[in-house]
Amino acid sequence: RLKLRLIEMAASTVKLVVIIVLWYVLNVQYNLYNKKILDKFPYPYTTSLIQLGSGIFYVLPIWTLGIGGRKFPRGFSLSKVATLSAFHGGGHYATVLSLGAGSVAFANVVKAGEPLCSVIMGIIIMSVFPSTSQVLTLIPIVAGVMIASMAEPEFSTMAFVCAMLSNVLFATRGVLSKPLMKTISGSDLFAINTFIAFIIMAPVTFALEGAIIVKAWNEFASGTADNGLQDLLNGVLPSKPSFEYFCAYQLVCGLYYYTYNEMAFMVTDLLDPTSQSVANTVKRVVIIIAGSVVFNKPLTQNGIIGSAVAMLGVLLYSLAPKATPAAAPVKAKAQ
């Protein structure tokens, strides 16, 4: 019996390690592919829409075949989910705009400020006030983002504003999603949000880029280079890819986006909140390092300091004890 228990523990540990590694790799790959696309094909709205739609190719077979016991969820409020989806779509578009306007490292440092936005939106929407410990941990987050922003050699106001807008929109989505998470799993809620966000953001995309996107796509994807599957998996994006190769590249980038979020929910199911927070902080550090190395944009000394301070603040915020709602006063019985 002890041997069987040890085998089960070893299997669980291996499963956890594999999922965390996949989470990191998929997230890094998404950031790198996305940045390569935006550097050569500066149409962020179309790229964002493709990424939202790509998840259909992943989750629809899962729901249809019932893989892992998952089925299309029912019984949820469409109006409430649609509201979440609007924030979800807007947050994703803002993130892509930020990554296109600035470096991968800078965008991820600014996005580390999301806890601050979560606190503010929690107060405004749910009247939930943070604990003193949580408020104190916001100080290094804000300070770190400010230091990193001032140290950024290619500081972009557009990148900063869009990353902060993304923080606000995703923080609002997070606050509003908590009641729905009681009746629907996080991964299924993300899937529905993504699909509805695709429908909501499609008219916005067509209005902003629809008149030029077909011509721009055909001009950019007009190459004759024979890039194959190996190039696609290695993230190679030539200056003039073929039409088919660029379509595949956009699809792969979108699948990276969807699957890294899927892995994030699996990690949440396997880890306690504290361990998950630590893993999430490490993940952001890995993305910052990978972005700096791949695009040859090393952080300055102050940029490293600012990033480290912000990441430490995020970790401390995640570990800080949450405020407990005050108990309702007990009415005195009539004498």
Protein backbone atom coordinates (compact mmCIF):
# COMPACT_ATOMS: atom_id res chain seq x y z
CA ARG A 1 0.00 0.00 0.00
CA LEU A 2 2.88 2.38 0.82
CA LYS A 3 4.53 1.56 -2.49
CA LEU A 4 1.31 2.33 -4.33
CA ARG A 5 1.00 5.63 -2.48
CA LEU A 6 4.57 6.59 -3.42
CA ILE A 7 3.87 5.76 -7.06
CA GLU A 8 0.75 7.94 -7.00
CA MET A 9 2.68 10.83 -5.42
CA ALA A 10 5.45 10.49 -8.00
CA ALA A 11 2.91 10.45 -10.83
CA SER A 12 1.17 13.54 -9.45
CA THR A 13 4.51 15.36 -9.14
CA VAL A 14 5.51 14.48 -12.70
CA LYS A 15 2.10 15.63 -13.96
CA LEU A 16 2.43 18.95 -12.11
CA VAL A 17 5.94 19.58 -13.42
CA VAL A 18 4.91 18.79 -16.99
CA ILE A 19 1.91 21.13 -16.82
CA ILE A 20 3.93 23.99 -15.30
CA VAL A 21 6.66 23.58 -17.93
CA LEU A 22 4.01 23.58 -20.68
CA TRP A 23 2.42 26.68 -19.14
CA TYR A 24 5.75 28.52 -19.21
CA VAL A 25 6.76 27.34 -22.68
CA LEU A 26 3.38 28.09 -24.28
CA ASN A 27 3.25 31.54 -22.65
CA VAL A 28 6.77 32.41 -23.76
CA GLN A 29 6.10 31.12 -27.27
CA TYR A 30 2.92 33.20 -27.53
CA ASN A 31 4.74 36.38 -26.51
CA LEU A 32 7.58 35.74 -28.97
CA TYR A 33 5.39 34.75 -31.94
CA ASN A 34 3.03 37.64 -31.28
CA LYS A 35 5.87 40.17 -31.15
CA LYS A 36 7.44 38.82 -34.34
CA ILE A 37 4.12 39.18 -36.14
CA LEU A 38 3.52 42.73 -34.93
CA ASP A 39 7.07 43.83 -35.78
CA LYS A 40 6.59 42.82 -39.43
CA PHE A 41 2.82 43.02 -39.83
CA PRO A 42 1.63 46.04 -37.78
CA TYR A 43 -2.06 45.26 -37.71
CA PRO A 44 -2.78 44.50 -34.05
CA TYR A 45 -6.57 44.42 -34.27
CA THR A 46 -6.65 41.71 -36.93
CA THR A 47 -3.94 39.75 -35.13
CA SER A 48 -5.90 39.99 -31.85
CA LEU A 49 -9.10 38.79 -33.52
CA ILE A 50 -7.34 35.78 -35.05
CA GLN A 51 -5.97 34.86 -31.63
CA LEU A 52 -9.43 34.98 -30.06
CA GLY A 53 -10.86 32.82 -32.85
CA SER A 54 -8.06 30.25 -32.81
CA GLY A 55 -9.30 28.72 -29.56
CA ILE A 56 -12.28 27.28 -31.43
CA PHE A 57 -9.96 24.73 -33.03
CA TYR A 58 -8.81 23.61 -29.59
CA VAL A 59 -11.86 23.50 -27.33
CA LEU A 60 -14.63 22.64 -29.82
CA PRO A 61 -13.33 19.07 -30.36
CA ILE A 62 -12.92 18.70 -26.60
CA TRP A 63 -16.53 19.67 -25.96
CA THR A 64 -17.85 17.67 -28.92
CA LEU A 65 -16.01 14.47 -28.01
CA GLY A 66 -16.36 14.95 -24.26
CA ILE A 67 -12.61 14.65 -23.72
CA GLY A 68 -11.78 14.71 -20.02
CA GLY A 69 -15.50 14.67 -19.25
CA ARG A 70 -15.89 18.23 -20.51
CA LYS A 71 -19.11 19.28 -22.22
CA PHE A 72 -20.42 22.63 -23.33
CA PRO A 73 -21.58 24.26 -20.08
CA ARG A 74 -25.23 25.15 -19.63
CA GLY A 75 -27.30 27.11 -17.18
CA PHE A 76 -25.15 30.24 -17.13
CA SER A 77 -26.39 33.81 -17.58
CA LEU A 78 -25.61 34.86 -21.15
CA SER A 79 -25.91 38.56 -20.35
CA LYS A 80 -23.43 38.30 -17.47
CA VAL A 81 -20.99 36.24 -19.52
CA ALA A 82 -21.32 38.67 -22.45
CA THR A 83 -20.36 41.53 -20.12
CA LEU A 84 -17.30 39.59 -19.01
CA SER A 85 -16.47 38.83 -22.63
CA ALA A 86 -16.46 42.51 -23.52
CA PHE A 87 -13.85 43.18 -20.83
CA HIS A 88 -11.98 40.04 -21.88
CA GLY A 89 -11.83 41.07 -25.54
CA GLY A 90 -10.90 44.66 -24.74
CA GLY A 91 -8.19 43.50 -22.34
CA HIS A 92 -6.69 41.16 -24.91
CA TYR A 93 -6.67 43.83 -27.62
CA ALA A 94 -5.01 46.29 -25.24
CA THR A 95 -2.34 43.70 -24.40
CA VAL A 96 -1.57 43.04 -28.06
CA LEU A 97 -1.41 46.79 -28.76
CA SER A 98 1.05 47.18 -25.89
CA LEU A 99 3.24 44.33 -27.09
CA GLY A 100 3.24 45.81 -30.58
CA ALA A 101 4.20 49.32 -29.41
CA GLY A 102 6.93 48.34 -26.94
CA SER A 103 9.21 45.51 -25.93
CA VAL A 104 7.99 42.20 -24.54
CA ALA A 105 9.87 42.83 -21.29
CA PHE A 106 8.47 46.34 -20.78
CA ALA A 107 4.87 45.30 -21.48
CA ASN A 108 5.11 42.45 -18.97
CA VAL A 109 6.64 44.67 -16.29
CA VAL A 110 3.79 47.18 -16.64
CA LYS A 111 1.25 44.36 -16.63
CA ALA A 112 2.66 43.35 -13.25
CA GLY A 113 0.65 46.33 -11.97
CA GLU A 114 -2.63 44.42 -12.37
CA PRO A 115 -2.99 43.82 -8.58
CA LEU A 116 -3.28 47.58 -8.09
CA CYS A 117 -6.10 47.72 -10.63
CA SER A 118 -7.74 44.66 -9.03
CA VAL A 119 -7.81 46.40 -5.66
CA ILE A 120 -9.30 49.57 -7.14
CA MET A 121 -11.94 47.73 -9.18
CA GLY A 122 -12.77 45.50 -6.20
CA ILE A 123 -13.52 48.61 -4.14
CA ILE A 124 -15.56 50.29 -6.90
CA ILE A 125 -17.57 47.28 -8.07
CA MET A 126 -17.85 44.97 -5.06
CA SER A 127 -17.08 47.35 -2.16
CA VAL A 128 -14.36 44.91 -1.11
CA PHE A 129 -11.49 46.69 0.64
CA PRO A 130 -7.98 45.20 0.79
CA SER A 131 -6.18 44.28 3.96
CA THR A 132 -3.42 46.54 5.29
CA SER A 133 -0.85 43.96 4.18
CA GLN A 134 -2.19 44.01 0.62
CA VAL A 135 -2.10 47.82 0.50
CA LEU A 136 1.52 47.83 1.66
CA THR A 137 2.55 45.34 -1.05
CA LEU A 138 1.18 47.69 -3.71
CA ILE A 139 3.99 50.14 -2.92
CA PRO A 140 6.82 48.03 -4.43
CA ILE A 141 4.60 47.16 -7.40
CA VAL A 142 3.98 50.81 -8.26
CA ALA A 143 7.59 51.77 -7.50
CA GLY A 144 8.99 48.94 -9.60
CA VAL A 145 6.81 49.78 -12.61
CA MET A 146 7.81 53.45 -12.33
CA ILE A 147 11.53 52.62 -12.11
CA ALA A 148 11.33 50.21 -15.07
CA SER A 149 9.33 52.75 -17.11
CA MET A 150 11.85 55.54 -16.52
CA ALA A 151 14.71 53.17 -17.35
CA GLU A 152 13.17 51.88 -20.59
CA PRO A 153 15.47 53.02 -23.46
CA GLU A 154 12.62 52.88 -25.97
CA PHE A 155 9.83 54.06 -23.71
CA SER A 156 6.51 54.10 -25.52
CA THR A 157 3.56 56.00 -24.12
CA MET A 158 1.31 53.83 -26.27
CA ALA A 159 2.79 50.64 -24.81
CA PHE A 160 2.44 51.93 -21.23
CA VAL A 161 -1.13 53.23 -21.63
CA CYS A 162 -2.33 50.06 -23.39
CA ALA A 163 -0.69 47.79 -20.78
CA MET A 164 -2.37 49.74 -17.98
CA LEU A 165 -5.69 49.69 -19.85
CA SER A 166 -5.29 45.94 -20.15
CA ASN A 167 -4.72 45.76 -16.39
CA VAL A 168 -7.92 47.69 -15.70
CA LEU A 169 -10.03 45.62 -18.10
CA PHE A 170 -8.67 42.25 -16.93
CA ALA A 171 -8.97 43.28 -13.28
CA THR A 172 -12.62 44.20 -13.88
CA ARG A 173 -13.18 40.87 -15.61
CA GLY A 174 -11.59 39.09 -12.65
CA VAL A 175 -13.82 40.85 -10.12
CA LEU A 176 -17.00 40.20 -12.11
CA SER A 177 -16.13 36.57 -12.86
CA LYS A 178 -15.94 35.43 -9.22
CA PRO A 179 -19.70 34.85 -8.78
CA LEU A 180 -19.89 32.92 -12.08
CA MET A 181 -16.95 30.69 -11.10
CA LYS A 182 -19.25 29.05 -8.54
CA THR A 183 -21.36 27.50 -11.29
CA ILE A 184 -18.91 27.04 -14.17
CA SER A 185 -15.27 25.95 -14.29
CA GLY A 186 -12.58 28.52 -14.96
CA SER A 187 -11.42 26.85 -18.19
CA ASP A 188 -14.95 26.63 -19.60
CA LEU A 189 -15.70 30.22 -18.59
CA PHE A 190 -12.51 31.32 -20.36
CA ALA A 191 -13.55 29.39 -23.49
CA ILE A 192 -17.01 30.98 -23.61
CA ASN A 193 -15.56 34.43 -22.88
CA THR A 194 -13.09 34.00 -25.71
CA PHE A 195 -15.73 32.98 -28.26
CA ILE A 196 -18.16 35.74 -27.33
CA ALA A 197 -15.28 38.24 -27.26
CA PHE A 198 -14.48 37.17 -30.82
CA ILE A 199 -18.05 38.01 -31.88
CA ILE A 200 -18.01 41.34 -30.01
CA MET A 201 -14.60 42.46 -31.27
CA ALA A 202 -15.08 41.40 -34.92
CA PRO A 203 -17.09 44.51 -35.89
CA VAL A 204 -14.55 46.71 -34.08
CA THR A 205 -11.72 45.08 -36.02
CA PHE A 206 -13.46 45.39 -39.36
CA ALA A 207 -14.24 49.04 -38.67
CA LEU A 208 -10.61 49.84 -37.81
CA GLU A 209 -8.69 47.65 -40.24
CA GLY A 210 -11.25 46.06 -42.54
CA ALA A 211 -10.71 48.48 -45.41
CA ILE A 212 -6.98 47.82 -45.62
CA ILE A 213 -6.35 44.39 -44.16
CA VAL A 214 -6.94 42.25 -47.28
CA LYS A 215 -4.52 44.31 -49.37
CA ALA A 216 -1.97 44.49 -46.53
CA TRP A 217 -2.17 40.73 -45.90
CA ASN A 218 -1.77 39.87 -49.58
CA GLU A 219 1.17 42.25 -49.98
CA PHE A 220 2.97 40.97 -46.90
CA ALA A 221 2.23 37.28 -47.44
CA SER A 222 3.37 37.26 -51.05
CA GLY A 223 6.68 35.45 -50.66
CA THR A 224 7.72 32.24 -52.33
CA ALA A 225 10.11 30.98 -49.64
CA ASP A 226 9.67 27.30 -48.93
CA ASN A 227 9.21 27.47 -45.16
CA GLY A 228 8.05 24.19 -43.71
CA LEU A 229 6.79 22.75 -40.46
CA GLN A 230 10.21 22.91 -38.80
CA ASP A 231 10.46 26.66 -39.47
CA LEU A 232 6.94 27.12 -38.15
CA LEU A 233 7.74 25.30 -34.91
CA ASN A 234 10.98 27.27 -34.55
CA GLY A 235 9.12 30.56 -34.85
CA VAL A 236 10.77 31.62 -38.10
CA LEU A 237 8.88 34.48 -39.76
CA PRO A 238 10.55 35.70 -42.96
CA SER A 239 10.11 39.27 -44.19
CA LYS A 240 7.96 37.94 -47.04
CA PRO A 241 6.31 34.66 -46.04
CA SER A 242 4.03 32.73 -48.33
CA PHE A 243 0.29 33.20 -47.90
CA GLU A 244 -0.19 29.69 -46.52
CA TYR A 245 2.78 29.94 -44.14
CA PHE A 246 1.63 33.26 -42.66
CA CYS A 247 -1.89 31.93 -42.13
CA ALA A 248 -0.42 28.93 -40.31
CA TYR A 249 1.89 31.20 -38.28
CA GLN A 250 -1.04 33.34 -37.11
CA LEU A 251 -3.04 30.22 -36.22
CA VAL A 252 -0.16 28.71 -34.23
CA CYS A 253 0.29 31.99 -32.35
CA GLY A 254 -3.43 31.98 -31.52
CA LEU A 255 -3.27 28.38 -30.32
CA TYR A 256 -0.32 29.26 -28.09
CA TYR A 257 -2.44 32.06 -26.62
CA TYR A 258 -5.38 29.78 -25.91
CA THR A 259 -3.47 26.76 -24.64
CA TYR A 260 -1.23 28.69 -22.24
CA ASN A 261 -4.40 30.02 -20.59
CA GLU A 262 -5.77 26.48 -20.50
CA MET A 263 -2.59 25.33 -18.75
CA ALA A 264 -2.95 28.21 -16.28
CA PHE A 265 -6.33 26.88 -15.15
CA MET A 266 -4.92 23.36 -14.83
CA VAL A 267 -2.12 24.71 -12.62
CA THR A 268 -4.71 26.50 -10.49
CA ASP A 269 -6.54 23.19 -9.99
CA LEU A 270 -3.34 21.35 -8.96
CA LEU A 271 -1.70 23.94 -6.68
CA ASP A 272 -2.76 25.79 -3.59
CA PRO A 273 -3.13 29.59 -4.05
CA THR A 274 0.28 30.35 -2.52
CA SER A 275 2.20 27.94 -4.75
CA GLN A 276 0.25 29.08 -7.80
CA SER A 277 1.13 32.72 -7.06
CA VAL A 278 4.82 31.86 -6.82
CA ALA A 279 4.67 29.92 -10.09
CA ASN A 280 2.87 32.80 -11.81
CA THR A 281 5.49 35.31 -10.66
CA VAL A 282 8.31 33.08 -11.90
CA LYS A 283 6.49 32.72 -15.22
CA ARG A 284 6.45 36.48 -15.78
CA VAL A 285 10.17 36.68 -14.98
CA VAL A 286 10.84 33.92 -17.54
CA ILE A 287 8.89 35.86 -20.20
CA ILE A 288 10.81 39.07 -19.47
CA ILE A 289 14.15 37.28 -19.76
CA ALA A 290 13.13 35.40 -22.92
CA GLY A 291 11.87 38.57 -24.60
CA SER A 292 15.08 40.44 -23.78
CA VAL A 293 17.27 37.64 -25.14
CA VAL A 294 15.36 36.75 -28.31
CA PHE A 295 14.86 40.35 -29.46
CA ASN A 296 18.32 41.46 -28.27
CA LYS A 297 16.92 44.19 -26.05
CA PRO A 298 18.64 43.66 -22.70
CA LEU A 299 17.24 45.45 -19.69
CA THR A 300 19.22 48.34 -18.28
CA GLN A 301 20.47 48.15 -14.69
CA ASN A 302 17.56 50.28 -13.48
CA GLY A 303 15.23 48.24 -15.66
CA ILE A 304 16.38 45.07 -13.91
CA ILE A 305 15.97 46.72 -10.51
CA GLY A 306 12.50 48.01 -11.38
CA SER A 307 11.41 44.65 -12.76
CA ALA A 308 12.72 42.82 -9.68
CA VAL A 309 10.99 45.22 -7.29
CA ALA A 310 7.69 44.97 -9.20
CA MET A 311 7.85 41.15 -9.32
CA LEU A 312 8.63 41.02 -5.61
CA GLY A 313 5.63 43.24 -4.94
CA VAL A 314 3.38 40.98 -7.01
CA LEU A 315 4.60 37.94 -5.10
CA LEU A 316 4.08 39.63 -1.74
CA TYR A 317 0.62 40.79 -2.78
CA SER A 318 -0.31 37.22 -3.72
CA LEU A 319 0.93 35.92 -0.37
CA ALA A 320 -0.55 38.70 1.77
CA PRO A 321 -3.55 37.74 3.92
CA LYS A 322 -6.82 38.85 2.39
CA ALA A 323 -9.22 41.12 4.21
CA THR A 324 -12.08 39.21 5.78
CA PRO A 325 -15.55 40.68 5.42
CA ALA A 326 -16.79 42.21 8.60
CA ALA A 327 -19.45 40.16 10.31
CA ALA A 328 -22.92 41.65 10.21
CA PRO A 329 -23.94 43.16 13.53
CA VAL A 330 -26.30 41.00 15.56
CA LYS A 331 -29.51 42.75 16.38
CA ALA A 332 -30.48 42.78 20.03
CA LYS A 333 -33.58 40.82 20.84
CA ALA A 334 -36.58 42.81 21.94
CA GLN A 335 -37.04 42.64 25.65
